[in-house]
Amino acid sequence: MALSIEQLMTFTTIVKAGSLGRAAALLNMTQPALSRAIKRLEQQLGAELFERHSKGMQLTDIGRAFLPHATSLHVEAKQALEEIQALRGAAKGTVRVGAVASIASSILPPAIERTLTKWPGLHFEVFEGVWDLLAASLSKHEIDLALGAEAPDTDEIVAIRDCCWEDTSHVIVASGHPLRRRRKLTLADTLHEKWTIPPPGTGPHQHVERVFAEQGLGMPDVIVRTRSITVLKSLVVDSGFLSWMAEPMFEPERRAGLIAPLSIAGVDGRRKLVAFRRRRGLLAVPAVKLLDELRRLTSTGSRKR
């Protein structure tokens, strides 16, 4: 039983849109034509994929089971077309890449620049976020590559271990914070200060937990938890908070004299960063081009932080 790209796109679009009317508008089809198309697909599969309601379309149990396969097949069909274009010397397409903030502000921009120099027909969609959201987006085919701190492989995503590098994180404060005048500062001296970091389950939070545990300490007093880098920096600069951040993320504020890292003996804030992909399926050709440039940059010692 052969399924066409159009059938797969029709099915996945209805799922995303939630109704025939919205899906028809997205696909530039009339609603009766779309209804007939999905009915033919159901007849071909021998099962109903949707339950029709006055408020929209809901997947049946069979529809829910079919969805991940349809999504994967649709993506791989598009990748096959891009592969053919690349072999013909006309690589086009869009690279959807997600990255934690330190990577989005450091190594990713030059990698994109190098990729475009060789493949000017490509376009990029860059998503910045904490690791748990990036991993979920990668699993759901919303991005092609995810760049973040080293983490265990899962059933859905795996690390590309020949594309790795390091960065260094620090306890950061406003340049005029009183702790900067302390000599022989220890991590214990920060315990009762006001802290702001991302919430539990995120890479930075886990990094802070590990660093404090290595010093035999519990977690500091975290007053504000947020995923927003802008909020974290504002609380540090304007409200006297401490935070934990990788060097590339606060480098502009350090140059401007707004933020400074604390010098704390015995604190190793280094971490390994890795590119990740989905375990199953082929990596899209445009994403391969970006990955090649990331490998070249990360293999250069001057790019490792």
Protein backbone atom coordinates (compact mmCIF):
# COMPACT_ATOMS: atom_id res chain seq x y z
CA MET A 1 0.00 0.00 0.00
CA ALA A 2 1.66 3.23 -1.19
CA LEU A 3 0.99 6.56 0.48
CA SER A 4 1.65 9.81 -1.34
CA ILE A 5 3.35 12.90 0.07
CA GLU A 6 0.07 14.77 -0.46
CA GLN A 7 -1.86 12.26 1.67
CA LEU A 8 0.67 12.47 4.49
CA MET A 9 0.65 16.27 4.37
CA THR A 10 -3.15 16.33 4.36
CA PHE A 11 -3.37 14.10 7.42
CA THR A 12 -0.70 15.90 9.49
CA THR A 13 -2.10 19.34 8.59
CA ILE A 14 -5.59 18.40 9.82
CA VAL A 15 -4.06 17.15 13.08
CA LYS A 16 -2.17 20.42 13.60
CA ALA A 17 -5.10 22.62 12.55
CA GLY A 18 -7.71 20.75 14.57
CA SER A 19 -10.50 21.27 12.05
CA LEU A 20 -11.22 20.74 8.36
CA GLY A 21 -11.90 24.43 7.83
CA ARG A 22 -8.57 25.62 9.20
CA ALA A 23 -6.68 22.81 7.47
CA ALA A 24 -8.36 23.58 4.14
CA ALA A 25 -7.24 27.20 4.41
CA LEU A 26 -3.66 26.14 5.16
CA LEU A 27 -3.61 23.71 2.23
CA ASN A 28 -5.40 26.12 -0.13
CA MET A 29 -8.18 23.57 -0.72
CA THR A 30 -11.94 23.68 -0.40
CA GLN A 31 -13.34 21.96 2.65
CA PRO A 32 -15.35 19.38 0.61
CA ALA A 33 -12.22 18.50 -1.40
CA LEU A 34 -10.21 18.04 1.79
CA SER A 35 -12.97 15.92 3.32
CA ARG A 36 -12.96 13.65 0.26
CA ALA A 37 -9.15 13.38 0.39
CA ILE A 38 -9.06 12.27 4.01
CA LYS A 39 -11.96 9.86 3.37
CA ARG A 40 -9.97 8.23 0.55
CA LEU A 41 -6.98 7.86 2.89
CA GLU A 42 -9.17 6.22 5.51
CA GLN A 43 -10.59 3.84 2.91
CA GLN A 44 -7.09 3.00 1.74
CA LEU A 45 -6.00 2.24 5.31
CA GLY A 46 -9.23 0.44 6.12
CA ALA A 47 -9.83 2.41 9.32
CA GLU A 48 -11.15 5.76 10.48
CA LEU A 49 -8.45 8.19 11.52
CA PHE A 50 -10.68 10.96 12.89
CA GLU A 51 -13.83 11.37 14.90
CA ARG A 52 -15.88 14.21 13.42
CA HIS A 53 -17.36 16.69 15.90
CA SER A 54 -19.11 20.02 15.49
CA LYS A 55 -16.10 21.72 17.09
CA GLY A 56 -13.42 19.98 15.06
CA MET A 57 -11.61 16.73 14.32
CA GLN A 58 -10.19 14.40 16.96
CA LEU A 59 -7.90 11.46 16.32
CA THR A 60 -9.16 7.95 16.86
CA ASP A 61 -6.90 5.41 18.57
CA ILE A 62 -5.77 4.26 15.13
CA GLY A 63 -5.20 7.87 14.08
CA ARG A 64 -2.99 8.48 17.12
CA ALA A 65 -1.00 5.35 16.31
CA PHE A 66 -0.62 6.43 12.68
CA LEU A 67 0.45 10.02 13.46
CA PRO A 68 4.16 9.49 14.35
CA HIS A 69 4.63 7.27 11.28
CA ALA A 70 2.90 9.77 8.99
CA THR A 71 4.99 12.62 10.41
CA SER A 72 8.23 10.70 9.95
CA LEU A 73 7.34 9.58 6.42
CA HIS A 74 6.39 13.11 5.41
CA VAL A 75 9.65 14.56 6.75
CA GLU A 76 11.76 11.89 5.08
CA ALA A 77 9.98 12.40 1.74
CA LYS A 78 10.85 16.11 1.89
CA GLN A 79 14.42 15.22 2.78
CA ALA A 80 14.66 12.92 -0.23
CA LEU A 81 13.65 15.77 -2.53
CA GLU A 82 16.24 18.03 -0.90
CA GLU A 83 18.89 15.32 -1.36
CA ILE A 84 18.15 15.17 -5.08
CA GLN A 85 18.39 18.96 -5.32
CA ALA A 86 21.74 18.87 -3.53
CA LEU A 87 23.10 16.22 -5.90
CA ARG A 88 22.05 18.46 -8.76
CA GLY A 89 24.07 21.29 -7.23
CA ALA A 90 21.07 23.30 -6.09
CA ALA A 91 20.87 22.69 -2.34
CA LYS A 92 17.87 24.50 -0.97
CA GLY A 93 15.67 24.18 2.02
CA THR A 94 15.38 25.34 5.61
CA VAL A 95 17.51 24.23 8.54
CA ARG A 96 15.57 24.24 11.80
CA VAL A 97 18.03 24.27 14.67
CA GLY A 98 17.49 24.69 18.39
CA ALA A 99 20.22 25.77 20.80
CA VAL A 100 20.72 26.68 24.43
CA ALA A 101 21.47 30.36 24.88
CA SER A 102 25.26 30.05 25.26
CA ILE A 103 25.50 28.27 21.89
CA ALA A 104 22.98 30.54 20.18
CA SER A 105 25.13 33.52 21.16
CA SER A 106 28.53 32.03 20.33
CA ILE A 107 29.27 29.16 17.96
CA LEU A 108 25.99 28.93 16.03
CA PRO A 109 26.17 32.32 14.23
CA PRO A 110 29.61 31.68 12.64
CA ALA A 111 28.52 28.15 11.71
CA ILE A 112 25.49 29.58 9.90
CA GLU A 113 27.70 32.16 8.18
CA ARG A 114 30.10 29.48 6.94
CA THR A 115 27.25 27.28 5.75
CA LEU A 116 25.68 30.12 3.76
CA THR A 117 29.02 30.92 2.13
CA LYS A 118 29.04 27.44 0.59
CA TRP A 119 25.26 26.94 0.22
CA PRO A 120 23.64 30.37 -0.30
CA GLY A 121 20.27 28.82 -1.18
CA LEU A 122 19.62 27.65 2.39
CA HIS A 123 17.46 29.35 5.00
CA PHE A 124 17.56 28.96 8.79
CA GLU A 125 15.04 28.94 11.61
CA VAL A 126 16.79 29.24 14.98
CA PHE A 127 15.03 28.42 18.23
CA GLU A 128 16.64 29.36 21.54
CA GLY A 129 15.57 27.63 24.73
CA VAL A 130 16.46 25.43 27.67
CA TRP A 131 17.30 21.81 27.03
CA ASP A 132 14.07 20.10 28.05
CA LEU A 133 12.08 22.13 25.52
CA LEU A 134 14.67 21.62 22.77
CA ALA A 135 14.70 17.85 23.31
CA ALA A 136 10.91 17.75 23.07
CA SER A 137 10.96 19.84 19.88
CA LEU A 138 13.53 17.52 18.33
CA SER A 139 11.45 14.44 19.16
CA LYS A 140 8.35 16.06 17.64
CA HIS A 141 10.13 16.93 14.35
CA GLU A 142 9.83 20.65 15.06
CA ILE A 143 13.59 21.08 14.68
CA ASP A 144 16.27 19.08 12.85
CA LEU A 145 19.21 19.56 15.22
CA ALA A 146 19.45 20.45 18.90
CA LEU A 147 22.60 21.90 20.45
CA GLY A 148 22.98 21.66 24.21
CA ALA A 149 24.87 20.27 27.18
CA GLU A 150 25.83 16.59 27.04
CA ALA A 151 22.93 14.40 28.15
CA PRO A 152 22.09 10.69 27.98
CA ASP A 153 20.66 9.33 24.73
CA THR A 154 16.97 8.45 24.79
CA ASP A 155 14.69 6.27 22.70
CA GLU A 156 13.99 9.34 20.54
CA ILE A 157 17.22 11.39 20.32
CA VAL A 158 20.95 10.66 20.28
CA ALA A 159 24.12 12.73 20.59
CA ILE A 160 26.37 13.32 17.59
CA ARG A 161 29.52 12.75 19.60
CA ASP A 162 32.04 13.89 16.99
CA CYS A 163 30.45 17.36 17.17
CA CYS A 164 31.28 18.49 20.70
CA TRP A 165 33.04 21.30 22.54
CA GLU A 166 33.20 22.92 25.97
CA ASP A 167 32.24 26.15 27.66
CA THR A 168 32.66 27.55 31.17
CA SER A 169 29.92 28.84 33.48
CA HIS A 170 30.33 31.18 36.44
CA VAL A 171 28.45 32.64 39.35
CA ILE A 172 27.67 36.13 38.04
CA VAL A 173 26.77 39.36 39.83
CA ALA A 174 26.40 43.04 39.04
CA SER A 175 29.79 44.73 38.75
CA GLY A 176 29.18 46.70 41.95
CA HIS A 177 27.91 43.79 44.06
CA PRO A 178 29.46 43.65 47.59
CA LEU A 179 30.66 40.06 47.11
CA ARG A 180 33.16 41.28 44.53
CA ARG A 181 35.04 43.05 47.34
CA ARG A 182 35.37 39.88 49.41
CA ARG A 183 38.74 38.12 49.47
CA LYS A 184 39.05 34.35 49.44
CA LEU A 185 35.43 33.98 48.45
CA THR A 186 33.95 30.49 48.79
CA LEU A 187 30.81 29.01 47.28
CA ALA A 188 29.33 28.78 50.80
CA ASP A 189 29.45 32.59 50.97
CA THR A 190 26.80 32.74 48.23
CA LEU A 191 24.29 30.42 49.89
CA HIS A 192 22.19 33.09 51.55
CA GLU A 193 22.30 35.62 48.74
CA LYS A 194 19.33 36.12 46.42
CA TRP A 195 19.62 33.73 43.49
CA THR A 196 17.84 33.50 40.13
CA ILE A 197 18.31 30.49 37.83
CA PRO A 198 16.21 28.43 35.40
CA PRO A 199 13.77 25.93 36.96
CA PRO A 200 14.44 22.30 37.94
CA GLY A 201 14.84 19.91 35.02
CA THR A 202 16.82 22.42 32.95
CA GLY A 203 20.53 22.12 32.16
CA PRO A 204 21.64 25.22 34.13
CA HIS A 205 19.71 24.11 37.23
CA GLN A 206 21.30 20.65 37.09
CA HIS A 207 24.72 22.26 36.59
CA VAL A 208 24.26 24.43 39.70
CA GLU A 209 23.12 21.40 41.71
CA ARG A 210 26.22 19.47 40.65
CA VAL A 211 28.65 22.32 41.42
CA PHE A 212 27.21 22.89 44.91
CA ALA A 213 27.08 19.15 45.65
CA GLU A 214 30.76 18.81 44.72
CA GLN A 215 31.49 21.37 47.45
CA GLY A 216 29.36 19.43 49.95
CA LEU A 217 26.65 22.10 49.88
CA GLY A 218 22.92 22.12 49.31
CA MET A 219 21.23 24.40 46.80
CA PRO A 220 21.35 28.18 47.39
CA ASP A 221 18.26 30.27 48.14
CA VAL A 222 16.68 30.50 44.67
CA ILE A 223 14.14 33.34 44.88
CA VAL A 224 13.26 33.58 41.18
CA ARG A 225 13.18 30.72 38.69
CA THR A 226 12.78 31.70 35.04
CA ARG A 227 13.67 30.44 31.59
CA SER A 228 14.09 34.01 30.33
CA ILE A 229 17.71 35.07 29.86
CA THR A 230 16.57 38.70 29.71
CA VAL A 231 14.91 38.42 33.13
CA LEU A 232 17.94 36.65 34.62
CA LYS A 233 20.30 39.39 33.48
CA SER A 234 17.96 42.19 34.57
CA LEU A 235 17.66 40.74 38.07
CA VAL A 236 21.46 40.48 38.29
CA VAL A 237 22.14 44.00 37.02
CA ASP A 238 19.26 45.90 38.62
CA SER A 239 18.24 43.93 41.72
CA GLY A 240 21.40 42.47 43.24
CA PHE A 241 20.70 38.82 42.40
CA LEU A 242 23.29 36.12 41.77
CA SER A 243 22.92 33.80 38.82
CA TRP A 244 24.77 31.02 36.99
CA MET A 245 25.58 31.57 33.36
CA ALA A 246 27.95 30.44 30.60
CA GLU A 247 30.55 32.98 29.45
CA PRO A 248 29.15 33.71 25.96
CA MET A 249 25.74 34.60 27.41
CA PHE A 250 26.96 37.51 29.54
CA GLU A 251 30.00 38.61 27.52
CA PRO A 252 28.29 41.77 26.11
CA GLU A 253 27.28 42.86 29.62
CA ARG A 254 30.78 42.13 30.93
CA ARG A 255 32.30 44.31 28.20
CA ALA A 256 29.82 47.06 29.11
CA GLY A 257 30.86 46.85 32.77
CA LEU A 258 27.44 45.68 33.98
CA ILE A 259 28.06 42.03 34.94
CA ALA A 260 31.12 40.26 36.29
CA PRO A 261 31.89 36.65 37.26
CA LEU A 262 32.80 35.93 40.86
CA SER A 263 36.23 34.43 41.45
CA ILE A 264 35.51 31.40 43.64
CA ALA A 265 38.27 28.92 44.38
CA GLY A 266 37.58 25.28 43.63
CA VAL A 267 34.55 25.84 41.42
CA ASP A 268 34.83 24.14 38.04
CA GLY A 269 32.05 25.35 35.78
CA ARG A 270 33.13 23.54 32.63
CA ARG A 271 30.63 21.46 30.71
CA LYS A 272 30.59 19.50 27.48
CA LEU A 273 28.26 20.63 24.68
CA VAL A 274 27.01 18.29 21.95
CA ALA A 275 24.82 18.27 18.85
CA PHE A 276 21.80 15.96 18.93
CA ARG A 277 19.58 14.42 16.25
CA ARG A 278 16.59 12.10 16.14
CA ARG A 279 17.49 8.44 16.52
CA ARG A 280 15.33 7.32 13.58
CA GLY A 281 15.26 8.65 10.05
CA LEU A 282 17.74 10.48 7.88
CA LEU A 283 19.12 13.90 8.71
CA ALA A 284 17.92 16.46 6.17
CA VAL A 285 20.57 17.59 3.67
CA PRO A 286 20.44 21.28 4.74
CA ALA A 287 20.96 20.21 8.37
CA VAL A 288 23.92 18.05 7.30
CA LYS A 289 25.55 21.13 5.75
CA LEU A 290 25.24 23.07 9.03
CA LEU A 291 26.46 20.06 11.02
CA ASP A 292 29.58 19.86 8.83
CA GLU A 293 30.46 23.47 9.65
CA LEU A 294 29.76 22.95 13.36
CA ARG A 295 32.18 20.00 13.30
CA ARG A 296 34.87 22.13 11.69
CA LEU A 297 34.43 24.93 14.22
CA THR A 298 34.28 22.67 17.26
CA SER A 299 37.38 20.76 16.23
CA THR A 300 39.34 24.03 16.43
CA GLY A 301 40.85 24.63 19.83
CA SER A 302 40.28 28.37 19.62
CA ARG A 303 36.55 27.78 19.54
CA LYS A 304 36.46 25.72 22.71
CA ARG A 305 35.66 27.72 25.82
